[in-house]
Amino acid sequence: MKNRVKTCASVDLGTTKVSAMIAEMIEGRPRVIGVGTAPSAGMKQGVVVDIPRAAGAIRSAVRESERMAGVSVAECRVGAAGEHIRSMNSRGVVAIADIDEEITGDDVIRALAASRKFSLPYDREIIHTLPQEYIVDKQRGIRQPAGMYGARLEARVHVVTASRPALDNVAKAFELARVPMGELVLEPLASARSVLTDDEREMGCMLLDIGGGTTDVMVYVDGGVVASGVIGIGGNDVTGDVAYGLRTSHAQAEEIKIRFGGAVYPAGDADELIEVVTTGNAGRRRVARHLLAGIIEPRVTELFALIDRQLTGSGLKQRIGGGVVLTGGSSMLRGICDVAEQVFDLPARIGHPVEVDGLAEIVGHPRFATGVGLLHDHRVEPDEFPRPAILARRWLHSLNQLKRAIASFI
């Protein structure tokens, strides 16, 4: 009898689009067999602001991916994003009971648990505890302490928290869409999994996932995450500037930005004229293309300068020899790497999803970096088990399914 291939699914809740993917996992590598997208509704800067509309977009994207794949979704990994995301570095230290015995997995779990023992507001929830390094008797840089000998074990970690109400609203949207919700994964962590190389993580690098409403930031040093965050500036802000500067509609500004826009002044075609439909269909006029670049470049420079100040202030800039990797739909703006290299004074490249098969010609675009990354397993902690809040959400979903099943027999 032929073995069944394990399938997994992901849903990326973006400000401009909701994308769903279904993949077969073959030797740990996803082979995408279904993709569905829907215009984002009920979402603003990564946060659900209208549950019924968000549920409709989720349902539409997932059903489209199911039709293409020919299978039903059992559970979806979901990206967590928005300015409510917070992060911090922490440490936990435990003593090893018997120095003549090897350090065990339970000891590692105790050290990680100790790193999470800090005061947390009631409306916050830990979604990730990402190990940076372990220290055994002052010996640093250890990745896997289990099996070693020592009297003192320290875990240094990067802890990511989120607003519990914001996550509950996401869960409610999935429940209303009748789509089973699984693991929650920080979106830049997922994007990093799909576009970064091991060498870049080891050398130190910064990932910028530039979406429609937000820019997700993640910094790696020596293979571990040392900083992460979300900035409420994205491609929609650039589009808004274009609409205001050219006195046209948002839809027209988006089309002009994609077709003619760039983050640097065009060299050979600076005097090219662009036809613009003015607001209210008052007429058409022509503007020089270099004026468009004059609108876009300041906004992009402002975003990068803001991140650069935070990076320099934290002392991390000199530790990211691997440079800057840009991904997300808005990273495809012409000349954006040139601006990044100017502002950060570091090498920059565009990150495309790698280690993916199947519909790679579709999902190999930077705008699908998060969705592809979500298909991979992100359980990096030995104590990775369903946390109480997630268990409560799954219980609520199962209870509602049971209620509907009973109602159908009455």
Protein backbone atom coordinates (compact mmCIF):
# COMPACT_ATOMS: atom_id res chain seq x y z
CA MET A 1 0.00 0.00 0.00
CA LYS A 2 1.35 3.41 -0.95
CA ASN A 3 2.36 5.61 1.99
CA ARG A 4 0.33 8.74 2.40
CA VAL A 5 2.32 11.93 1.96
CA LYS A 6 2.04 14.38 4.84
CA THR A 7 0.45 17.68 3.85
CA CYS A 8 0.55 21.03 5.60
CA ALA A 9 -1.08 24.39 5.01
CA SER A 10 -0.36 28.02 5.79
CA VAL A 11 -2.28 31.28 5.83
CA ASP A 12 -0.57 34.67 5.59
CA LEU A 13 -2.84 37.49 6.74
CA GLY A 14 -1.50 40.54 4.95
CA THR A 15 -2.78 44.09 4.78
CA THR A 16 -3.28 43.91 1.01
CA LYS A 17 -3.86 40.20 0.47
CA VAL A 18 -4.61 36.94 2.26
CA SER A 19 -2.70 34.02 0.81
CA ALA A 20 -3.14 30.33 1.57
CA MET A 21 -0.87 27.46 0.54
CA ILE A 22 -1.08 23.70 0.71
CA ALA A 23 2.06 21.60 0.34
CA GLU A 24 3.22 18.02 0.51
CA MET A 25 6.23 17.61 2.78
CA ILE A 26 8.85 15.44 1.09
CA GLU A 27 11.96 14.87 3.22
CA GLY A 28 11.31 18.11 5.09
CA ARG A 29 10.97 20.16 1.90
CA PRO A 30 7.56 21.58 0.87
CA ARG A 31 6.15 20.79 -2.55
CA VAL A 32 3.40 23.36 -3.05
CA ILE A 33 0.31 21.87 -4.69
CA GLY A 34 -2.26 24.58 -4.02
CA VAL A 35 -2.22 28.37 -3.76
CA GLY A 36 -5.11 30.72 -3.08
CA THR A 37 -5.21 34.47 -2.67
CA ALA A 38 -7.95 36.94 -1.84
CA PRO A 39 -8.01 40.71 -1.44
CA SER A 40 -7.42 41.45 2.21
CA ALA A 41 -10.53 42.63 4.04
CA GLY A 42 -11.00 43.38 7.71
CA MET A 43 -7.23 43.69 8.26
CA LYS A 44 -5.17 46.79 9.04
CA GLN A 45 -1.42 46.70 9.59
CA GLY A 46 -1.48 43.01 10.43
CA VAL A 47 -4.37 43.25 12.91
CA VAL A 48 -7.97 42.08 12.49
CA VAL A 49 -10.29 45.10 12.63
CA ASP A 50 -13.42 43.51 11.13
CA ILE A 51 -13.87 39.83 12.03
CA PRO A 52 -16.63 38.90 9.52
CA ARG A 53 -14.80 40.50 6.57
CA ALA A 54 -11.49 38.94 7.62
CA ALA A 55 -13.23 35.56 7.90
CA GLY A 56 -14.59 35.95 4.37
CA ALA A 57 -11.12 36.65 2.96
CA ILE A 58 -9.63 33.69 4.84
CA ARG A 59 -12.39 31.37 3.62
CA SER A 60 -11.99 32.52 0.01
CA ALA A 61 -8.20 32.06 -0.04
CA VAL A 62 -8.26 28.66 1.68
CA ARG A 63 -11.06 27.27 -0.49
CA GLU A 64 -9.21 28.37 -3.65
CA SER A 65 -6.05 26.59 -2.48
CA GLU A 66 -8.09 23.45 -1.65
CA ARG A 67 -9.66 23.40 -5.12
CA MET A 68 -6.24 23.68 -6.76
CA ALA A 69 -4.66 21.02 -4.53
CA GLY A 70 -7.63 18.65 -4.55
CA VAL A 71 -7.37 18.10 -0.78
CA SER A 72 -9.00 19.58 2.30
CA VAL A 73 -7.07 21.54 4.89
CA ALA A 74 -6.74 19.76 8.24
CA GLU A 75 -4.97 22.60 10.02
CA CYS A 76 -3.27 25.88 9.01
CA ARG A 77 -0.17 27.49 10.39
CA VAL A 78 -0.91 31.19 10.74
CA GLY A 79 1.42 34.17 10.72
CA ALA A 80 1.36 36.55 13.67
CA ALA A 81 2.06 40.18 12.83
CA GLY A 82 1.19 43.74 13.76
CA GLU A 83 2.59 46.51 15.91
CA HIS A 84 1.29 44.74 19.03
CA ILE A 85 4.20 42.30 18.70
CA ARG A 86 6.91 42.90 21.31
CA SER A 87 10.21 41.15 21.95
CA MET A 88 13.00 41.04 24.50
CA ASN A 89 16.11 39.05 25.35
CA SER A 90 16.10 36.98 28.52
CA ARG A 91 18.17 34.37 30.34
CA GLY A 92 17.51 31.43 32.63
CA VAL A 93 19.99 29.59 34.86
CA VAL A 94 19.60 26.20 36.52
CA ALA A 95 21.90 23.97 38.55
CA ILE A 96 22.60 20.42 37.43
CA ALA A 97 21.77 18.05 40.28
CA ASP A 98 24.51 15.48 39.62
CA ILE A 99 27.66 16.66 37.82
CA ASP A 100 28.58 13.03 37.17
CA GLU A 101 25.51 12.65 34.97
CA GLU A 102 24.96 14.09 31.51
CA ILE A 103 22.82 17.18 31.01
CA THR A 104 19.42 15.93 29.86
CA GLY A 105 16.62 17.33 27.76
CA ASP A 106 14.68 17.94 30.99
CA ASP A 107 17.52 20.18 32.22
CA VAL A 108 17.32 22.17 29.00
CA ILE A 109 13.57 22.52 29.45
CA ARG A 110 14.10 23.79 33.01
CA ALA A 111 16.59 26.39 31.79
CA LEU A 112 14.21 27.59 29.08
CA ALA A 113 11.33 27.68 31.56
CA ALA A 114 13.49 29.79 33.89
CA SER A 115 14.13 32.25 31.05
CA ARG A 116 10.36 32.81 30.74
CA LYS A 117 9.85 33.64 34.42
CA PHE A 118 9.37 37.36 34.26
CA SER A 119 6.46 39.69 34.88
CA LEU A 120 4.07 39.72 31.94
CA PRO A 121 0.87 41.81 31.73
CA TYR A 122 -2.31 39.75 31.75
CA ASP A 123 -3.16 40.83 28.19
CA ARG A 124 0.15 39.61 26.75
CA GLU A 125 1.03 36.09 25.58
CA ILE A 126 4.39 34.49 24.81
CA ILE A 127 4.34 33.06 21.28
CA HIS A 128 8.03 32.15 20.89
CA THR A 129 11.04 31.44 23.07
CA LEU A 130 13.92 31.35 20.59
CA PRO A 131 17.24 30.00 21.96
CA GLN A 132 20.26 32.13 21.08
CA GLU A 133 22.90 30.07 22.88
CA TYR A 134 23.46 27.85 25.91
CA ILE A 135 26.27 28.35 28.41
CA VAL A 136 27.62 25.38 30.37
CA ASP A 137 29.98 26.33 33.21
CA LYS A 138 30.90 29.61 31.47
CA GLN A 139 31.54 27.83 28.16
CA ARG A 140 29.61 29.92 25.63
CA GLY A 141 28.29 29.32 22.13
CA ILE A 142 26.80 25.89 22.79
CA ARG A 143 23.86 24.98 20.54
CA GLN A 144 22.83 21.64 22.05
CA PRO A 145 23.86 21.10 25.69
CA ALA A 146 22.06 17.76 26.13
CA GLY A 147 24.65 15.02 26.51
CA MET A 148 27.35 17.32 27.91
CA TYR A 149 28.66 17.44 31.48
CA GLY A 150 28.49 20.47 33.74
CA ALA A 151 27.25 21.91 37.01
CA ARG A 152 25.50 25.05 35.71
CA LEU A 153 23.36 25.52 32.62
CA GLU A 154 22.32 28.92 31.30
CA ALA A 155 19.93 29.54 28.40
CA ARG A 156 19.96 32.87 26.57
CA VAL A 157 16.81 33.39 24.55
CA HIS A 158 14.79 35.86 22.51
CA VAL A 159 11.21 36.01 23.77
CA VAL A 160 8.40 37.22 21.51
CA THR A 161 5.06 38.28 22.98
CA ALA A 162 1.80 39.39 21.41
CA SER A 163 -1.47 40.97 22.45
CA ARG A 164 -3.80 38.21 23.59
CA PRO A 165 -6.96 40.02 22.39
CA ALA A 166 -5.37 40.52 18.96
CA LEU A 167 -4.60 36.80 18.71
CA ASP A 168 -8.09 35.91 19.94
CA ASN A 169 -9.57 38.08 17.18
CA VAL A 170 -7.52 36.16 14.61
CA ALA A 171 -8.71 32.87 16.10
CA LYS A 172 -12.32 34.09 16.00
CA ALA A 173 -11.97 35.01 12.32
CA PHE A 174 -10.70 31.50 11.54
CA GLU A 175 -13.48 29.94 13.60
CA LEU A 176 -16.06 32.01 11.71
CA ALA A 177 -14.44 31.02 8.40
CA ARG A 178 -14.62 27.35 9.50
CA VAL A 179 -10.92 26.92 8.82
CA PRO A 180 -8.99 24.99 11.51
CA MET A 181 -6.26 27.14 13.00
CA GLY A 182 -2.97 25.58 14.11
CA GLU A 183 0.38 26.92 15.21
CA LEU A 184 0.96 30.68 15.42
CA VAL A 185 4.31 31.75 13.97
CA LEU A 186 5.88 35.20 14.01
CA GLU A 187 5.81 36.35 10.38
CA PRO A 188 9.42 37.59 10.09
CA LEU A 189 10.56 34.28 11.58
CA ALA A 190 8.67 32.47 8.82
CA SER A 191 10.03 34.80 6.14
CA ALA A 192 13.58 34.33 7.43
CA ARG A 193 13.14 30.55 7.21
CA SER A 194 12.30 30.81 3.51
CA VAL A 195 14.81 33.41 2.27
CA LEU A 196 17.91 33.42 4.50
CA THR A 197 20.90 31.10 4.17
CA ASP A 198 22.68 29.43 7.08
CA ASP A 199 25.81 31.45 6.29
CA GLU A 200 23.86 34.73 6.57
CA ARG A 201 22.48 33.74 9.96
CA GLU A 202 25.94 32.79 11.21
CA MET A 203 27.63 35.94 9.86
CA GLY A 204 24.84 38.10 11.21
CA CYS A 205 22.20 39.74 9.04
CA MET A 206 19.02 41.77 9.16
CA LEU A 207 15.80 40.73 7.43
CA LEU A 208 13.30 43.39 6.39
CA ASP A 209 9.95 41.99 5.25
CA ILE A 210 8.25 45.02 3.66
CA GLY A 211 4.54 44.39 3.30
CA GLY A 212 1.61 46.61 2.48
CA GLY A 213 0.91 47.92 5.97
CA THR A 214 3.98 47.04 8.06
CA THR A 215 7.67 46.25 7.85
CA ASP A 216 8.81 43.26 9.90
CA VAL A 217 12.37 43.34 11.20
CA MET A 218 14.49 40.43 12.42
CA VAL A 219 18.19 40.49 13.28
CA TYR A 220 20.37 37.36 13.47
CA VAL A 221 23.79 37.19 15.14
CA ASP A 222 25.83 33.98 15.42
CA GLY A 223 22.88 31.96 14.14
CA GLY A 224 20.36 33.17 16.72
CA VAL A 225 17.66 35.86 16.78
CA VAL A 226 18.79 38.83 18.89
CA ALA A 227 16.19 41.44 17.89
CA SER A 228 12.81 41.59 16.18
CA GLY A 229 10.01 44.06 15.77
CA VAL A 230 7.27 45.50 13.58
CA ILE A 231 7.16 49.04 12.17
CA GLY A 232 3.86 50.49 10.98
CA ILE A 233 5.19 51.70 7.63
CA GLY A 234 4.83 49.73 4.40
CA GLY A 235 4.07 49.85 0.72
CA ASN A 236 0.64 51.41 1.28
CA ASP A 237 2.31 54.48 2.75
CA VAL A 238 4.35 54.86 -0.43
CA THR A 239 1.17 54.48 -2.50
CA GLY A 240 -0.57 57.08 -0.33
CA ASP A 241 2.27 59.54 -0.95
CA VAL A 242 2.02 58.94 -4.70
CA ALA A 243 -1.76 59.46 -4.64
CA TYR A 244 -1.39 62.71 -2.71
CA GLY A 245 1.54 64.02 -4.75
CA LEU A 246 -0.04 63.26 -8.13
CA ARG A 247 -3.61 64.05 -7.01
CA THR A 248 -4.98 60.72 -8.13
CA SER A 249 -6.86 57.77 -6.64
CA HIS A 250 -5.21 55.14 -4.46
CA ALA A 251 -5.85 52.43 -7.08
CA GLN A 252 -4.31 54.55 -9.85
CA ALA A 253 -1.36 55.43 -7.61
CA GLU A 254 -0.71 51.74 -6.89
CA GLU A 255 -0.70 50.94 -10.61
CA ILE A 256 1.65 53.85 -11.37
CA LYS A 257 3.96 52.82 -8.51
CA ILE A 258 4.23 49.25 -9.80
CA ARG A 259 4.65 50.16 -13.49
CA PHE A 260 6.85 53.25 -13.28
CA GLY A 261 7.88 53.76 -9.67
CA GLY A 262 11.38 53.46 -8.26
CA ALA A 263 13.22 54.29 -5.07
CA VAL A 264 15.96 56.10 -7.00
CA TYR A 265 15.86 58.64 -9.80
CA PRO A 266 15.76 56.90 -13.21
CA ALA A 267 18.92 57.48 -15.25
CA GLY A 268 18.01 57.14 -18.91
CA ASP A 269 14.28 57.85 -18.84
CA ALA A 270 14.10 60.63 -16.23
CA ASP A 271 12.20 62.88 -18.65
CA GLU A 272 9.70 60.20 -19.65
CA LEU A 273 6.12 61.41 -19.22
CA ILE A 274 3.52 59.40 -17.30
CA GLU A 275 -0.20 59.83 -17.89
CA VAL A 276 -2.17 60.31 -14.67
CA VAL A 277 -5.94 60.26 -14.18
CA THR A 278 -6.68 63.03 -11.68
CA THR A 279 -9.04 62.63 -8.74
CA GLY A 280 -12.72 62.50 -9.59
CA ASN A 281 -11.99 61.76 -13.28
CA ALA A 282 -11.46 65.48 -13.78
CA GLY A 283 -9.15 64.72 -16.65
CA ARG A 284 -5.73 63.38 -17.57
CA ARG A 285 -2.40 65.04 -17.30
CA ARG A 286 1.22 64.11 -17.89
CA VAL A 287 3.98 64.29 -15.30
CA ALA A 288 7.70 63.56 -15.60
CA ARG A 289 8.81 60.21 -14.27
CA HIS A 290 11.54 61.77 -12.13
CA LEU A 291 8.81 63.51 -10.11
CA LEU A 292 7.46 60.07 -9.16
CA ALA A 293 10.90 59.02 -7.89
CA GLY A 294 11.04 62.29 -5.95
CA ILE A 295 7.90 61.22 -4.10
CA ILE A 296 8.88 57.59 -3.44
CA GLU A 297 12.54 57.95 -2.45
CA PRO A 298 11.99 60.12 0.68
CA ARG A 299 9.47 57.65 2.15
CA VAL A 300 11.75 54.64 1.56
CA THR A 301 14.73 56.54 2.95
CA GLU A 302 12.69 57.56 6.01
CA LEU A 303 11.80 53.92 6.73
CA PHE A 304 15.38 52.69 6.40
CA ALA A 305 16.78 55.63 8.40
CA LEU A 306 14.37 54.85 11.25
CA ILE A 307 15.51 51.23 11.34
CA ASP A 308 19.17 52.24 11.02
CA ARG A 309 18.94 54.52 14.07
CA GLN A 310 17.48 51.70 16.15
CA LEU A 311 20.06 49.23 14.85
CA THR A 312 22.97 51.59 15.58
CA GLY A 313 21.62 52.51 18.99
CA SER A 314 21.37 48.85 20.01
CA GLY A 315 25.01 48.22 19.05
CA LEU A 316 24.07 45.46 16.63
CA LYS A 317 25.03 47.13 13.37
CA GLN A 318 28.69 46.15 13.52
CA ARG A 319 27.70 42.52 14.13
CA ILE A 320 25.70 41.93 10.93
CA GLY A 321 28.41 41.15 8.41
CA GLY A 322 25.93 39.28 6.22
CA GLY A 323 24.18 42.54 5.31
CA VAL A 324 20.51 43.28 4.75
CA VAL A 325 17.97 41.01 3.05
CA LEU A 326 14.78 42.63 1.74
CA THR A 327 11.67 40.58 1.03
CA GLY A 328 7.90 41.01 0.88
CA GLY A 329 5.83 42.44 -1.95
CA SER A 330 7.09 46.01 -1.56
CA SER A 331 10.74 44.90 -1.75
CA MET A 332 10.34 44.67 -5.55
CA LEU A 333 10.35 48.46 -5.89
CA ARG A 334 13.04 49.39 -8.42
CA GLY A 335 16.29 50.57 -6.87
CA ILE A 336 15.28 49.73 -3.31
CA CYS A 337 18.52 47.79 -2.71
CA ASP A 338 20.54 50.86 -3.74
CA VAL A 339 18.74 52.97 -1.14
CA ALA A 340 19.21 50.27 1.51
CA GLU A 341 22.96 50.08 0.83
CA GLN A 342 23.24 53.87 1.02
CA VAL A 343 21.37 54.22 4.31
CA PHE A 344 22.70 51.16 6.15
CA ASP A 345 26.18 51.20 4.58
CA LEU A 346 25.83 47.41 4.26
CA PRO A 347 25.36 45.05 1.31
CA ALA A 348 21.71 44.39 0.44
CA ARG A 349 19.86 41.83 -1.68
CA ILE A 350 16.29 40.80 -2.48
CA GLY A 351 15.26 37.56 -0.74
CA HIS A 352 13.27 35.04 -2.79
CA PRO A 353 11.81 31.89 -1.19
CA VAL A 354 14.12 28.89 -1.60
CA GLU A 355 13.86 25.21 -0.66
CA VAL A 356 10.41 24.95 -2.22
CA ASP A 357 9.16 22.75 -5.05
CA GLY A 358 5.90 22.34 -6.92
CA LEU A 359 4.39 25.67 -7.89
CA ALA A 360 7.74 27.40 -7.38
CA GLU A 361 7.20 29.67 -10.37
CA ILE A 362 4.24 31.17 -8.48
CA VAL A 363 5.38 31.11 -4.84
CA GLY A 364 9.03 31.94 -5.61
CA HIS A 365 8.15 35.66 -5.50
CA PRO A 366 9.16 37.72 -2.42
CA ARG A 367 5.50 38.50 -1.69
CA PHE A 368 5.02 34.81 -0.80
CA ALA A 369 8.07 34.60 1.49
CA THR A 370 5.97 34.43 4.68
CA GLY A 371 3.52 31.87 3.29
CA VAL A 372 6.33 29.55 2.15
CA GLY A 373 8.16 29.97 5.45
CA LEU A 374 5.02 29.03 7.39
CA LEU A 375 4.99 25.64 5.66
CA HIS A 376 8.19 24.70 7.50
CA ASP A 377 8.23 23.39 11.05
CA HIS A 378 9.09 26.19 13.50
CA ARG A 379 9.16 24.20 16.73
CA VAL A 380 12.65 25.18 17.76
CA GLU A 381 12.21 24.87 21.52
CA PRO A 382 12.46 21.54 23.39
CA ASP A 383 9.47 22.67 25.48
CA GLU A 384 7.35 23.45 22.42
CA PHE A 385 3.89 22.31 23.42
CA PRO A 386 0.46 23.91 22.90
CA ARG A 387 0.38 26.86 25.29
CA PRO A 388 -2.74 27.35 27.46
CA ALA A 389 -4.17 30.20 25.37
CA ILE A 390 -3.71 28.21 22.16
CA LEU A 391 -5.26 25.14 23.79
CA ALA A 392 -8.23 27.29 24.79
CA ARG A 393 -8.67 28.52 21.22
CA ARG A 394 -8.52 24.99 19.83
CA TRP A 395 -10.98 23.80 22.49
CA LEU A 396 -13.37 26.61 21.54
CA HIS A 397 -13.07 25.69 17.85
CA SER A 398 -13.73 21.99 18.61
CA LEU A 399 -16.70 22.90 20.81
CA ASN A 400 -18.25 25.02 18.07
CA GLN A 401 -17.72 22.20 15.57
CA LEU A 402 -19.47 19.81 17.95
CA LYS A 403 -22.39 22.25 18.37
CA ARG A 404 -22.82 22.49 14.60
CA ALA A 405 -22.67 18.72 14.24
CA ILE A 406 -25.37 18.25 16.91
CA ALA A 407 -27.53 20.97 15.36
CA SER A 408 -27.40 19.23 11.98
CA PHE A 409 -29.00 16.09 13.49
CA ILE A 410 -31.78 17.94 15.30
